[in-house]
Amino acid sequence: MARRKEARKEKGGAAPVASLKFSGVNMALGGAGLVVVALGYWLLAQGSVSAAPVLLVLGYVVLLPLALIL
């Protein structure tokens, strides 16, 4: 096994490094996600038990993951 690893280092050189590329779409979705989550918590503090959970789920489950994936 040790020989294989050494042989790979000698032949291939450095492996390509994956880089994160955030575009305007990522920033917009991330910002919208943060605004929706903040609005959800604000509504929760006001006593809204119908709109607040919907906004929190939308922010945490839909918008913020999309901001990271796209």
Protein backbone atom coordinates (compact mmCIF):
# COMPACT_ATOMS: atom_id res chain seq x y z
CA MET A 1 0.00 0.00 0.00
CA ALA A 2 2.77 2.43 0.86
CA ARG A 3 4.32 1.99 -2.58
CA ARG A 4 1.05 2.80 -4.32
CA LYS A 5 0.68 6.04 -2.39
CA GLU A 6 4.24 7.04 -3.19
CA ALA A 7 3.77 6.17 -6.85
CA ARG A 8 0.65 8.32 -7.03
CA LYS A 9 2.48 11.27 -5.54
CA GLU A 10 5.28 10.96 -8.06
CA LYS A 11 3.09 10.52 -11.15
CA GLY A 12 0.03 12.68 -10.68
CA GLY A 13 1.21 15.69 -8.80
CA ALA A 14 -1.33 17.66 -6.83
CA ALA A 15 -4.99 16.76 -6.96
CA PRO A 16 -7.36 19.49 -8.16
CA VAL A 17 -8.78 21.54 -5.33
CA ALA A 18 -12.53 22.18 -5.33
CA SER A 19 -13.32 25.82 -4.82
CA LEU A 20 -16.54 27.41 -3.66
CA LYS A 21 -17.92 29.91 -6.11
CA PHE A 22 -20.67 32.08 -4.68
CA SER A 23 -22.59 34.12 -7.21
CA GLY A 24 -25.23 36.78 -6.86
CA VAL A 25 -27.92 34.09 -6.79
CA ASN A 26 -26.29 32.48 -3.76
CA MET A 27 -26.06 35.80 -1.98
CA ALA A 28 -29.68 36.69 -2.78
CA LEU A 29 -30.99 33.33 -1.56
CA GLY A 30 -28.85 33.50 1.57
CA GLY A 31 -29.99 37.03 2.33
CA ALA A 32 -33.63 36.13 1.70
CA GLY A 33 -33.23 33.09 3.94
CA LEU A 34 -31.83 35.17 6.78
CA VAL A 35 -34.60 37.77 6.41
CA VAL A 36 -37.30 35.08 6.39
CA VAL A 37 -35.82 33.37 9.45
CA ALA A 38 -35.56 36.68 11.33
CA LEU A 39 -39.14 37.55 10.38
CA GLY A 40 -40.25 34.11 11.52
CA TYR A 41 -38.64 34.55 14.93
CA TRP A 42 -40.09 38.05 15.24
CA LEU A 43 -43.57 36.74 14.46
CA LEU A 44 -43.04 33.93 16.95
CA ALA A 45 -42.19 36.48 19.64
CA GLN A 46 -45.38 38.38 18.76
CA GLY A 47 -47.45 35.26 19.36
CA SER A 48 -48.19 34.19 15.79
CA VAL A 49 -48.45 30.41 15.87
CA SER A 50 -49.50 29.99 12.26
CA ALA A 51 -47.24 32.16 10.08
CA ALA A 52 -44.05 31.93 12.17
CA PRO A 53 -43.47 28.18 11.82
CA VAL A 54 -44.16 28.34 8.08
CA LEU A 55 -41.58 31.10 7.64
CA LEU A 56 -39.02 29.31 9.80
CA VAL A 57 -39.38 26.08 7.86
CA LEU A 58 -39.21 27.98 4.57
CA GLY A 59 -36.03 29.73 5.68
CA TYR A 60 -34.22 26.77 7.25
CA VAL A 61 -35.35 23.95 4.96
CA VAL A 62 -35.68 25.67 1.59
CA LEU A 63 -33.87 29.00 1.21
CA LEU A 64 -30.66 28.52 3.20
CA PRO A 65 -29.88 25.07 1.74
CA LEU A 66 -30.57 26.38 -1.76
CA ALA A 67 -28.13 29.21 -1.10
CA LEU A 68 -25.44 26.64 -0.35
CA ILE A 69 -26.29 24.17 -3.10
CA LEU A 70 -26.74 26.45 -6.12
